[in-house]
Amino acid sequence: MNMQVKNIRALREKQGYSQEQVAGYLDISIATVNQYETDTLAIPATTVSRLALLFNVDEYDLYQDKPQQHPILSAFTFPVDNLLSKDLKSIAEFKKIVLNYSHLVKALKSE
């Protein structure tokens, strides 16, 4: 099993998301999420991007041995028990805005 697949499954479990919640967030079937996690189906790049946001990591980190979660994004964690897929989508969109803002601020400071 490749590192990306291991990380996606481990991060999903660590953050308490079910395969059903992730499937709803991605607008795919639970069976497809299972195939991603068992490395029987390649994960499209756009899906990797969406999962990275959901799990508070850079896409690149999903391919590394120990992905580092963004502290700024980790501040926006919510109890997952009662979250709907539309809630996860809204949270991920907000995280993307925060992450882009953070990168912009860093870029401006380095000029």
PDB file of N, CA and C in Angstrom:
ATOM      1  N   MET A   1       0.857  -1.185   0.000  1.00  0.00           N
ATOM      2  CA  MET A   1       0.000   0.000   0.000  1.00  0.00           C
ATOM      3  C   MET A   1       0.899   1.243   0.000  1.00  0.00           C
ATOM      4  N   ASN A   2       0.577   2.201  -0.851  1.00  0.00           N
ATOM      5  CA  ASN A   2       1.437   3.382  -0.948  1.00  0.00           C
ATOM      6  C   ASN A   2       1.201   4.343   0.223  1.00  0.00           C
ATOM      7  N   MET A   3       2.166   5.237   0.400  1.00  0.00           N
ATOM      8  CA  MET A   3       2.151   6.160   1.541  1.00  0.00           C
ATOM      9  C   MET A   3       0.933   7.071   1.517  1.00  0.00           C
ATOM     10  N   GLN A   4       0.553   7.558   0.353  1.00  0.00           N
ATOM     11  CA  GLN A   4      -0.611   8.448   0.252  1.00  0.00           C
ATOM     12  C   GLN A   4      -1.866   7.754   0.770  1.00  0.00           C
ATOM     13  N   VAL A   5      -2.067   6.522   0.377  1.00  0.00           N
ATOM     14  CA  VAL A   5      -3.250   5.760   0.797  1.00  0.00           C
ATOM     15  C   VAL A   5      -3.227   5.534   2.311  1.00  0.00           C
ATOM     16  N   LYS A   6      -2.069   5.166   2.838  1.00  0.00           N
ATOM     17  CA  LYS A   6      -1.947   4.964   4.294  1.00  0.00           C
ATOM     18  C   LYS A   6      -2.279   6.245   5.048  1.00  0.00           C
ATOM     19  N   ASN A   7      -1.757   7.356   4.550  1.00  0.00           N
ATOM     20  CA  ASN A   7      -1.996   8.637   5.224  1.00  0.00           C
ATOM     21  C   ASN A   7      -3.458   9.049   5.177  1.00  0.00           C
ATOM     22  N   ILE A   8      -4.089   8.863   4.039  1.00  0.00           N
ATOM     23  CA  ILE A   8      -5.494   9.257   3.917  1.00  0.00           C
ATOM     24  C   ILE A   8      -6.353   8.459   4.889  1.00  0.00           C
ATOM     25  N   ARG A   9      -6.117   7.168   4.951  1.00  0.00           N
ATOM     26  CA  ARG A   9      -6.897   6.344   5.880  1.00  0.00           C
ATOM     27  C   ARG A   9      -6.595   6.715   7.335  1.00  0.00           C
ATOM     28  N   ALA A  10      -5.300   6.871   7.648  1.00  0.00           N
ATOM     29  CA  ALA A  10      -4.907   7.204   9.023  1.00  0.00           C
ATOM     30  C   ALA A  10      -5.461   8.561   9.454  1.00  0.00           C
ATOM     31  N   LEU A  11      -5.397   9.550   8.568  1.00  0.00           N
ATOM     32  CA  LEU A  11      -5.912  10.875   8.906  1.00  0.00           C
ATOM     33  C   LEU A  11      -7.428  10.862   9.061  1.00  0.00           C
ATOM     34  N   ARG A  12      -8.094  10.109   8.204  1.00  0.00           N
ATOM     35  CA  ARG A  12      -9.557  10.007   8.326  1.00  0.00           C
ATOM     36  C   ARG A  12      -9.921   9.422   9.680  1.00  0.00           C
ATOM     37  N   GLU A  13      -9.251   8.332  10.046  1.00  0.00           N
ATOM     38  CA  GLU A  13      -9.546   7.684  11.319  1.00  0.00           C
ATOM     39  C   GLU A  13      -9.159   8.573  12.503  1.00  0.00           C
ATOM     40  N   LYS A  14      -8.008   9.224  12.408  1.00  0.00           N
ATOM     41  CA  LYS A  14      -7.536  10.093  13.494  1.00  0.00           C
ATOM     42  C   LYS A  14      -8.521  11.236  13.758  1.00  0.00           C
ATOM     43  N   GLN A  15      -9.089  11.767  12.693  1.00  0.00           N
ATOM     44  CA  GLN A  15     -10.003  12.891  12.851  1.00  0.00           C
ATOM     45  C   GLN A  15     -11.446  12.447  13.066  1.00  0.00           C
ATOM     46  N   GLY A  16     -11.666  11.146  13.079  1.00  0.00           N
ATOM     47  CA  GLY A  16     -12.977  10.621  13.432  1.00  0.00           C
ATOM     48  C   GLY A  16     -14.009  10.626  12.320  1.00  0.00           C
ATOM     49  N   TYR A  17     -13.576  10.814  11.081  1.00  0.00           N
ATOM     50  CA  TYR A  17     -14.504  10.784   9.955  1.00  0.00           C
ATOM     51  C   TYR A  17     -14.791   9.348   9.544  1.00  0.00           C
ATOM     52  N   SER A  18     -16.039   9.080   9.224  1.00  0.00           N
ATOM     53  CA  SER A  18     -16.386   7.767   8.676  1.00  0.00           C
ATOM     54  C   SER A  18     -16.179   7.802   7.167  1.00  0.00           C
ATOM     55  N   GLN A  19     -16.106   6.635   6.567  1.00  0.00           N
ATOM     56  CA  GLN A  19     -16.024   6.580   5.111  1.00  0.00           C
ATOM     57  C   GLN A  19     -17.274   7.211   4.498  1.00  0.00           C
ATOM     58  N   GLU A  20     -18.393   7.045   5.162  1.00  0.00           N
ATOM     59  CA  GLU A  20     -19.648   7.628   4.671  1.00  0.00           C
ATOM     60  C   GLU A  20     -19.568   9.159   4.642  1.00  0.00           C
ATOM     61  N   GLN A  21     -19.009   9.762   5.690  1.00  0.00           N
ATOM     62  CA  GLN A  21     -18.883  11.218   5.728  1.00  0.00           C
ATOM     63  C   GLN A  21     -17.942  11.711   4.623  1.00  0.00           C
ATOM     64  N   VAL A  22     -16.825  11.017   4.454  1.00  0.00           N
ATOM     65  CA  VAL A  22     -15.868  11.407   3.418  1.00  0.00           C
ATOM     66  C   VAL A  22     -16.499  11.246   2.036  1.00  0.00           C
ATOM     67  N   ALA A  23     -17.233  10.172   1.832  1.00  0.00           N
ATOM     68  CA  ALA A  23     -17.913   9.948   0.553  1.00  0.00           C
ATOM     69  C   ALA A  23     -18.907  11.072   0.267  1.00  0.00           C
ATOM     70  N   GLY A  24     -19.670  11.460   1.270  1.00  0.00           N
ATOM     71  CA  GLY A  24     -20.620  12.557   1.100  1.00  0.00           C
ATOM     72  C   GLY A  24     -19.930  13.865   0.780  1.00  0.00           C
ATOM     73  N   TYR A  25     -18.821  14.118   1.464  1.00  0.00           N
ATOM     74  CA  TYR A  25     -18.037  15.330   1.226  1.00  0.00           C
ATOM     75  C   TYR A  25     -17.499  15.367  -0.206  1.00  0.00           C
ATOM     76  N   LEU A  26     -17.061  14.215  -0.695  1.00  0.00           N
ATOM     77  CA  LEU A  26     -16.481  14.135  -2.037  1.00  0.00           C
ATOM     78  C   LEU A  26     -17.522  13.902  -3.136  1.00  0.00           C
ATOM     79  N   ASP A  27     -18.767  13.677  -2.744  1.00  0.00           N
ATOM     80  CA  ASP A  27     -19.837  13.350  -3.697  1.00  0.00           C
ATOM     81  C   ASP A  27     -19.527  12.083  -4.496  1.00  0.00           C
ATOM     82  N   ILE A  28     -19.061  11.065  -3.770  1.00  0.00           N
ATOM     83  CA  ILE A  28     -18.774   9.766  -4.378  1.00  0.00           C
ATOM     84  C   ILE A  28     -19.387   8.681  -3.493  1.00  0.00           C
ATOM     85  N   SER A  29     -19.305   7.450  -3.926  1.00  0.00           N
ATOM     86  CA  SER A  29     -19.874   6.356  -3.131  1.00  0.00           C
ATOM     87  C   SER A  29     -18.914   5.928  -2.023  1.00  0.00           C
ATOM     88  N   ILE A  30     -19.475   5.292  -1.014  1.00  0.00           N
ATOM     89  CA  ILE A  30     -18.659   4.736   0.067  1.00  0.00           C
ATOM     90  C   ILE A  30     -17.723   3.680  -0.511  1.00  0.00           C
ATOM     91  N   ALA A  31     -18.205   2.929  -1.482  1.00  0.00           N
ATOM     92  CA  ALA A  31     -17.376   1.894  -2.121  1.00  0.00           C
ATOM     93  C   ALA A  31     -16.132   2.505  -2.770  1.00  0.00           C
ATOM     94  N   THR A  32     -16.285   3.689  -3.356  1.00  0.00           N
ATOM     95  CA  THR A  32     -15.133   4.356  -3.974  1.00  0.00           C
ATOM     96  C   THR A  32     -14.128   4.787  -2.917  1.00  0.00           C
ATOM     97  N   VAL A  33     -14.609   5.324  -1.810  1.00  0.00           N
ATOM     98  CA  VAL A  33     -13.707   5.693  -0.713  1.00  0.00           C
ATOM     99  C   VAL A  33     -12.963   4.447  -0.230  1.00  0.00           C
ATOM    100  N   ASN A  34     -13.680   3.349  -0.100  1.00  0.00           N
ATOM    101  CA  ASN A  34     -13.056   2.103   0.323  1.00  0.00           C
ATOM    102  C   ASN A  34     -11.996   1.663  -0.678  1.00  0.00           C
ATOM    103  N   GLN A  35     -12.276   1.803  -1.959  1.00  0.00           N
ATOM    104  CA  GLN A  35     -11.296   1.434  -2.981  1.00  0.00           C
ATOM    105  C   GLN A  35     -10.064   2.334  -2.914  1.00  0.00           C
ATOM    106  N   TYR A  36     -10.256   3.606  -2.630  1.00  0.00           N
ATOM    107  CA  TYR A  36      -9.107   4.496  -2.444  1.00  0.00           C
ATOM    108  C   TYR A  36      -8.257   4.022  -1.271  1.00  0.00           C
ATOM    109  N   GLU A  37      -8.920   3.693  -0.163  1.00  0.00           N
ATOM    110  CA  GLU A  37      -8.202   3.328   1.058  1.00  0.00           C
ATOM    111  C   GLU A  37      -7.568   1.947   1.001  1.00  0.00           C
ATOM    112  N   THR A  38      -8.021   1.112   0.097  1.00  0.00           N
ATOM    113  CA  THR A  38      -7.402  -0.206  -0.054  1.00  0.00           C
ATOM    114  C   THR A  38      -6.457  -0.241  -1.255  1.00  0.00           C
ATOM    115  N   ASP A  39      -6.259   0.917  -1.866  1.00  0.00           N
ATOM    116  CA  ASP A  39      -5.330   1.077  -2.984  1.00  0.00           C
ATOM    117  C   ASP A  39      -5.716   0.235  -4.198  1.00  0.00           C
ATOM    118  N   THR A  40      -7.019   0.040  -4.382  1.00  0.00           N
ATOM    119  CA  THR A  40      -7.488  -0.688  -5.559  1.00  0.00           C
ATOM    120  C   THR A  40      -7.991   0.267  -6.635  1.00  0.00           C
ATOM    121  N   LEU A  41      -8.023   1.567  -6.323  1.00  0.00           N
ATOM    122  CA  LEU A  41      -8.439   2.588  -7.268  1.00  0.00           C
ATOM    123  C   LEU A  41      -7.572   3.822  -7.043  1.00  0.00           C
ATOM    124  N   ALA A  42      -7.006   4.332  -8.126  1.00  0.00           N
ATOM    125  CA  ALA A  42      -6.175   5.535  -8.018  1.00  0.00           C
ATOM    126  C   ALA A  42      -7.032   6.731  -7.616  1.00  0.00           C
ATOM    127  N   ILE A  43      -6.458   7.580  -6.790  1.00  0.00           N
ATOM    128  CA  ILE A  43      -7.172   8.762  -6.311  1.00  0.00           C
ATOM    129  C   ILE A  43      -6.864   9.925  -7.256  1.00  0.00           C
ATOM    130  N   PRO A  44      -7.892  10.507  -7.876  1.00  0.00           N
ATOM    131  CA  PRO A  44      -7.665  11.645  -8.774  1.00  0.00           C
ATOM    132  C   PRO A  44      -7.038  12.829  -8.028  1.00  0.00           C
ATOM    133  N   ALA A  45      -6.249  13.607  -8.742  1.00  0.00           N
ATOM    134  CA  ALA A  45      -5.550  14.749  -8.138  1.00  0.00           C
ATOM    135  C   ALA A  45      -6.520  15.739  -7.498  1.00  0.00           C
ATOM    136  N   THR A  46      -7.662  15.961  -8.119  1.00  0.00           N
ATOM    137  CA  THR A  46      -8.632  16.903  -7.543  1.00  0.00           C
ATOM    138  C   THR A  46      -9.178  16.377  -6.218  1.00  0.00           C
ATOM    139  N   THR A  47      -9.310  15.076  -6.122  1.00  0.00           N
ATOM    140  CA  THR A  47      -9.784  14.462  -4.872  1.00  0.00           C
ATOM    141  C   THR A  47      -8.720  14.573  -3.798  1.00  0.00           C
ATOM    142  N   VAL A  48      -7.455  14.389  -4.178  1.00  0.00           N
ATOM    143  CA  VAL A  48      -6.353  14.531  -3.221  1.00  0.00           C
ATOM    144  C   VAL A  48      -6.359  15.942  -2.645  1.00  0.00           C
ATOM    145  N   SER A  49      -6.588  16.935  -3.493  1.00  0.00           N
ATOM    146  CA  SER A  49      -6.639  18.334  -3.025  1.00  0.00           C
ATOM    147  C   SER A  49      -7.749  18.533  -2.001  1.00  0.00           C
ATOM    148  N   ARG A  50      -8.898  17.984  -2.288  1.00  0.00           N
ATOM    149  CA  ARG A  50     -10.046  18.140  -1.381  1.00  0.00           C
ATOM    150  C   ARG A  50      -9.808  17.408  -0.064  1.00  0.00           C
ATOM    151  N   LEU A  51      -9.182  16.222  -0.128  1.00  0.00           N
ATOM    152  CA  LEU A  51      -8.890  15.471   1.092  1.00  0.00           C
ATOM    153  C   LEU A  51      -7.842  16.185   1.931  1.00  0.00           C
ATOM    154  N   ALA A  52      -6.860  16.777   1.287  1.00  0.00           N
ATOM    155  CA  ALA A  52      -5.829  17.511   2.022  1.00  0.00           C
ATOM    156  C   ALA A  52      -6.458  18.644   2.828  1.00  0.00           C
ATOM    157  N   LEU A  53      -7.393  19.371   2.227  1.00  0.00           N
ATOM    158  CA  LEU A  53      -8.090  20.431   2.956  1.00  0.00           C
ATOM    159  C   LEU A  53      -8.879  19.870   4.130  1.00  0.00           C
ATOM    160  N   LEU A  54      -9.587  18.799   3.881  1.00  0.00           N
ATOM    161  CA  LEU A  54     -10.396  18.195   4.936  1.00  0.00           C
ATOM    162  C   LEU A  54      -9.546  17.756   6.118  1.00  0.00           C
ATOM    163  N   PHE A  55      -8.349  17.231   5.814  1.00  0.00           N
ATOM    164  CA  PHE A  55      -7.479  16.683   6.852  1.00  0.00           C
ATOM    165  C   PHE A  55      -6.437  17.672   7.375  1.00  0.00           C
ATOM    166  N   ASN A  56      -6.485  18.922   6.929  1.00  0.00           N
ATOM    167  CA  ASN A  56      -5.592  19.985   7.425  1.00  0.00           C
ATOM    168  C   ASN A  56      -4.124  19.767   7.074  1.00  0.00           C
ATOM    169  N   VAL A  57      -3.851  19.249   5.892  1.00  0.00           N
ATOM    170  CA  VAL A  57      -2.472  19.023   5.463  1.00  0.00           C
ATOM    171  C   VAL A  57      -2.280  19.584   4.055  1.00  0.00           C
ATOM    172  N   ASP A  58      -1.010  19.807   3.682  1.00  0.00           N
ATOM    173  CA  ASP A  58      -0.701  20.131   2.292  1.00  0.00           C
ATOM    174  C   ASP A  58      -0.804  18.856   1.481  1.00  0.00           C
ATOM    175  N   GLU A  59      -1.164  18.997   0.226  1.00  0.00           N
ATOM    176  CA  GLU A  59      -1.245  17.822  -0.647  1.00  0.00           C
ATOM    177  C   GLU A  59       0.061  17.054  -0.643  1.00  0.00           C
ATOM    178  N   TYR A  60       1.163  17.775  -0.721  1.00  0.00           N
ATOM    179  CA  TYR A  60       2.490  17.157  -0.737  1.00  0.00           C
ATOM    180  C   TYR A  60       2.698  16.263   0.481  1.00  0.00           C
ATOM    181  N   ASP A  61       2.206  16.715   1.620  1.00  0.00           N
ATOM    182  CA  ASP A  61       2.402  15.959   2.860  1.00  0.00           C
ATOM    183  C   ASP A  61       1.703  14.601   2.842  1.00  0.00           C
ATOM    184  N   LEU A  62       0.683  14.451   2.030  1.00  0.00           N
ATOM    185  CA  LEU A  62       0.002  13.151   1.950  1.00  0.00           C
ATOM    186  C   LEU A  62       0.917  12.067   1.389  1.00  0.00           C
ATOM    187  N   TYR A  63       1.974  12.471   0.704  1.00  0.00           N
ATOM    188  CA  TYR A  63       2.920  11.520   0.115  1.00  0.00           C
ATOM    189  C   TYR A  63       4.115  11.268   1.024  1.00  0.00           C
ATOM    190  N   GLN A  64       4.163  11.953   2.163  1.00  0.00           N
ATOM    191  CA  GLN A  64       5.291  11.844   3.089  1.00  0.00           C
ATOM    192  C   GLN A  64       5.005  10.842   4.204  1.00  0.00           C
ATOM    193  N   ASP A  65       6.071  10.421   4.866  1.00  0.00           N
ATOM    194  CA  ASP A  65       5.947   9.431   5.930  1.00  0.00           C
ATOM    195  C   ASP A  65       5.064   9.915   7.073  1.00  0.00           C
ATOM    196  N   LYS A  66       5.259  11.146   7.498  1.00  0.00           N
ATOM    197  CA  LYS A  66       4.466  11.685   8.606  1.00  0.00           C
ATOM    198  C   LYS A  66       3.937  13.057   8.203  1.00  0.00           C
ATOM    199  N   PRO A  67       2.723  13.108   7.681  1.00  0.00           N
ATOM    200  CA  PRO A  67       2.180  14.398   7.237  1.00  0.00           C
ATOM    201  C   PRO A  67       2.017  15.364   8.406  1.00  0.00           C
ATOM    202  N   GLN A  68       2.381  16.610   8.158  1.00  0.00           N
ATOM    203  CA  GLN A  68       2.274  17.649   9.175  1.00  0.00           C
ATOM    204  C   GLN A  68       0.985  18.427   8.958  1.00  0.00           C
ATOM    205  N   GLN A  69       0.157  18.457   9.980  1.00  0.00           N
ATOM    206  CA  GLN A  69      -1.091  19.195   9.878  1.00  0.00           C
ATOM    207  C   GLN A  69      -0.826  20.680  10.095  1.00  0.00           C
ATOM    208  N   HIS A  70      -1.561  21.508   9.357  1.00  0.00           N
ATOM    209  CA  HIS A  70      -1.438  22.954   9.487  1.00  0.00           C
ATOM    210  C   HIS A  70      -2.050  23.380  10.816  1.00  0.00           C
ATOM    211  N   PRO A  71      -1.250  23.991  11.675  1.00  0.00           N
ATOM    212  CA  PRO A  71      -1.807  24.448  12.953  1.00  0.00           C
ATOM    213  C   PRO A  71      -2.955  25.434  12.767  1.00  0.00           C
ATOM    214  N   ILE A  72      -2.825  26.322  11.777  1.00  0.00           N
ATOM    215  CA  ILE A  72      -3.878  27.322  11.567  1.00  0.00           C
ATOM    216  C   ILE A  72      -5.183  26.655  11.151  1.00  0.00           C
ATOM    217  N   LEU A  73      -5.109  25.592  10.359  1.00  0.00           N
ATOM    218  CA  LEU A  73      -6.324  24.899   9.935  1.00  0.00           C
ATOM    219  C   LEU A  73      -6.854  23.983  11.029  1.00  0.00           C
ATOM    220  N   SER A  74      -5.951  23.453  11.831  1.00  0.00           N
ATOM    221  CA  SER A  74      -6.378  22.564  12.904  1.00  0.00           C
ATOM    222  C   SER A  74      -7.203  23.301  13.956  1.00  0.00           C
ATOM    223  N   ALA A  75      -7.069  24.618  13.973  1.00  0.00           N
ATOM    224  CA  ALA A  75      -7.871  25.416  14.908  1.00  0.00           C
ATOM    225  C   ALA A  75      -9.350  25.364  14.538  1.00  0.00           C
ATOM    226  N   PHE A  76      -9.626  24.977  13.287  1.00  0.00           N
ATOM    227  CA  PHE A  76     -11.003  24.913  12.804  1.00  0.00           C
ATOM    228  C   PHE A  76     -11.490  23.468  12.764  1.00  0.00           C
ATOM    229  N   THR A  77     -11.377  22.799  13.880  1.00  0.00           N
ATOM    230  CA  THR A  77     -11.878  21.428  13.951  1.00  0.00           C
ATOM    231  C   THR A  77     -13.220  21.430  14.657  1.00  0.00           C
ATOM    232  N   PHE A  78     -14.035  20.496  14.279  1.00  0.00           N
ATOM    233  CA  PHE A  78     -15.382  20.422  14.808  1.00  0.00           C
ATOM    234  C   PHE A  78     -15.678  18.978  15.190  1.00  0.00           C
ATOM    235  N   PRO A  79     -16.551  18.759  16.168  1.00  0.00           N
ATOM    236  CA  PRO A  79     -16.967  17.393  16.464  1.00  0.00           C
ATOM    237  C   PRO A  79     -17.633  16.805  15.221  1.00  0.00           C
ATOM    238  N   VAL A  80     -17.194  15.630  14.821  1.00  0.00           N
ATOM    239  CA  VAL A  80     -17.670  15.084  13.549  1.00  0.00           C
ATOM    240  C   VAL A  80     -18.927  14.239  13.674  1.00  0.00           C
ATOM    241  N   ASP A  81     -19.369  13.975  14.868  1.00  0.00           N
ATOM    242  CA  ASP A  81     -20.506  13.078  15.061  1.00  0.00           C
ATOM    243  C   ASP A  81     -21.756  13.498  14.292  1.00  0.00           C
ATOM    244  N   ASN A  82     -22.060  14.773  14.302  1.00  0.00           N
ATOM    245  CA  ASN A  82     -23.311  15.239  13.709  1.00  0.00           C
ATOM    246  C   ASN A  82     -23.130  16.073  12.457  1.00  0.00           C
ATOM    247  N   LEU A  83     -21.926  16.032  11.859  1.00  0.00           N
ATOM    248  CA  LEU A  83     -21.690  16.828  10.669  1.00  0.00           C
ATOM    249  C   LEU A  83     -22.258  16.146   9.434  1.00  0.00           C
ATOM    250  N   LEU A  84     -22.897  16.935   8.604  1.00  0.00           N
ATOM    251  CA  LEU A  84     -23.403  16.456   7.330  1.00  0.00           C
ATOM    252  C   LEU A  84     -22.368  16.747   6.249  1.00  0.00           C
ATOM    253  N   SER A  85     -22.502  16.107   5.098  1.00  0.00           N
ATOM    254  CA  SER A  85     -21.538  16.332   4.023  1.00  0.00           C
ATOM    255  C   SER A  85     -21.525  17.800   3.597  1.00  0.00           C
ATOM    256  N   LYS A  86     -22.676  18.469   3.630  1.00  0.00           N
ATOM    257  CA  LYS A  86     -22.699  19.888   3.270  1.00  0.00           C
ATOM    258  C   LYS A  86     -21.922  20.720   4.294  1.00  0.00           C
ATOM    259  N   ASP A  87     -21.939  20.284   5.560  1.00  0.00           N
ATOM    260  CA  ASP A  87     -21.165  20.973   6.593  1.00  0.00           C
ATOM    261  C   ASP A  87     -19.671  20.817   6.311  1.00  0.00           C
ATOM    262  N   LEU A  88     -19.267  19.601   5.956  1.00  0.00           N
ATOM    263  CA  LEU A  88     -17.857  19.345   5.651  1.00  0.00           C
ATOM    264  C   LEU A  88     -17.411  20.172   4.455  1.00  0.00           C
ATOM    265  N   LYS A  89     -18.271  20.307   3.472  1.00  0.00           N
ATOM    266  CA  LYS A  89     -17.938  21.109   2.290  1.00  0.00           C
ATOM    267  C   LYS A  89     -17.750  22.577   2.679  1.00  0.00           C
ATOM    268  N   SER A  90     -18.631  23.093   3.508  1.00  0.00           N
ATOM    269  CA  SER A  90     -18.518  24.488   3.947  1.00  0.00           C
ATOM    270  C   SER A  90     -17.260  24.701   4.771  1.00  0.00           C
ATOM    271  N   ILE A  91     -16.970  23.774   5.645  1.00  0.00           N
ATOM    272  CA  ILE A  91     -15.765  23.874   6.476  1.00  0.00           C
ATOM    273  C   ILE A  91     -14.523  23.841   5.600  1.00  0.00           C
ATOM    274  N   ALA A  92     -14.475  22.936   4.624  1.00  0.00           N
ATOM    275  CA  ALA A  92     -13.321  22.830   3.738  1.00  0.00           C
ATOM    276  C   ALA A  92     -13.147  24.104   2.905  1.00  0.00           C
ATOM    277  N   GLU A  93     -14.241  24.679   2.433  1.00  0.00           N
ATOM    278  CA  GLU A  93     -14.152  25.927   1.673  1.00  0.00           C
ATOM    279  C   GLU A  93     -13.584  27.042   2.541  1.00  0.00           C
ATOM    280  N   PHE A  94     -14.025  27.101   3.787  1.00  0.00           N
ATOM    281  CA  PHE A  94     -13.502  28.105   4.709  1.00  0.00           C
ATOM    282  C   PHE A  94     -12.016  27.872   4.976  1.00  0.00           C
ATOM    283  N   LYS A  95     -11.632  26.611   5.168  1.00  0.00           N
ATOM    284  CA  LYS A  95     -10.221  26.286   5.396  1.00  0.00           C
ATOM    285  C   LYS A  95      -9.364  26.724   4.211  1.00  0.00           C
ATOM    286  N   LYS A  96      -9.886  26.541   2.996  1.00  0.00           N
ATOM    287  CA  LYS A  96      -9.128  26.939   1.810  1.00  0.00           C
ATOM    288  C   LYS A  96      -8.898  28.446   1.803  1.00  0.00           C
ATOM    289  N   ILE A  97      -9.902  29.217   2.165  1.00  0.00           N
ATOM    290  CA  ILE A  97      -9.757  30.668   2.241  1.00  0.00           C
ATOM    291  C   ILE A  97      -8.693  31.039   3.270  1.00  0.00           C
ATOM    292  N   VAL A  98      -8.754  30.420   4.435  1.00  0.00           N
ATOM    293  CA  VAL A  98      -7.787  30.707   5.499  1.00  0.00           C
ATOM    294  C   VAL A  98      -6.379  30.331   5.057  1.00  0.00           C
ATOM    295  N   LEU A  99      -6.232  29.167   4.433  1.00  0.00           N
ATOM    296  CA  LEU A  99      -4.919  28.707   3.983  1.00  0.00           C
ATOM    297  C   LEU A  99      -4.365  29.646   2.911  1.00  0.00           C
ATOM    298  N   ASN A 100      -5.188  30.040   1.956  1.00  0.00           N
ATOM    299  CA  ASN A 100      -4.732  30.967   0.915  1.00  0.00           C
ATOM    300  C   ASN A 100      -4.314  32.310   1.520  1.00  0.00           C
ATOM    301  N   TYR A 101      -5.070  32.785   2.485  1.00  0.00           N
ATOM    302  CA  TYR A 101      -4.732  34.031   3.167  1.00  0.00           C
ATOM    303  C   TYR A 101      -3.392  33.889   3.894  1.00  0.00           C
ATOM    304  N   SER A 102      -3.205  32.777   4.571  1.00  0.00           N
ATOM    305  CA  SER A 102      -1.960  32.523   5.291  1.00  0.00           C
ATOM    306  C   SER A 102      -0.763  32.520   4.338  1.00  0.00           C
ATOM    307  N   HIS A 103      -0.912  31.860   3.198  1.00  0.00           N
ATOM    308  CA  HIS A 103       0.174  31.831   2.204  1.00  0.00           C
ATOM    309  C   HIS A 103       0.441  33.233   1.653  1.00  0.00           C
ATOM    310  N   LEU A 104      -0.609  34.007   1.435  1.00  0.00           N
ATOM    311  CA  LEU A 104      -0.458  35.369   0.933  1.00  0.00           C
ATOM    312  C   LEU A 104       0.290  36.232   1.933  1.00  0.00           C
ATOM    313  N   VAL A 105      -0.059  36.143   3.191  1.00  0.00           N
ATOM    314  CA  VAL A 105       0.609  36.921   4.229  1.00  0.00           C
ATOM    315  C   VAL A 105       2.097  36.552   4.298  1.00  0.00           C
ATOM    316  N   LYS A 106       2.404  35.275   4.242  1.00  0.00           N
ATOM    317  CA  LYS A 106       3.811  34.839   4.258  1.00  0.00           C
ATOM    318  C   LYS A 106       4.557  35.381   3.053  1.00  0.00           C
ATOM    319  N   ALA A 107       3.935  35.345   1.892  1.00  0.00           N
ATOM    320  CA  ALA A 107       4.578  35.844   0.676  1.00  0.00           C
ATOM    321  C   ALA A 107       4.837  37.337   0.766  1.00  0.00           C
ATOM    322  N   LEU A 108       3.880  38.089   1.294  1.00  0.00           N
ATOM    323  CA  LEU A 108       4.045  39.532   1.428  1.00  0.00           C
ATOM    324  C   LEU A 108       5.130  39.892   2.444  1.00  0.00           C
ATOM    325  N   LYS A 109       5.251  39.099   3.486  1.00  0.00           N
ATOM    326  CA  LYS A 109       6.271  39.351   4.504  1.00  0.00           C
ATOM    327  C   LYS A 109       7.671  39.072   3.975  1.00  0.00           C
ATOM    328  N   SER A 110       7.782  38.154   3.035  1.00  0.00           N
ATOM    329  CA  SER A 110       9.100  37.790   2.521  1.00  0.00           C
ATOM    330  C   SER A 110       9.593  38.744   1.431  1.00  0.00           C
ATOM    331  N   GLU A 111       8.731  39.647   0.981  1.00  0.00           N
ATOM    332  CA  GLU A 111       9.130  40.610  -0.058  1.00  0.00           C
ATOM    333  C   GLU A 111       9.944  41.740   0.512  1.00  0.00           C
TER     334      GLU A 111
END
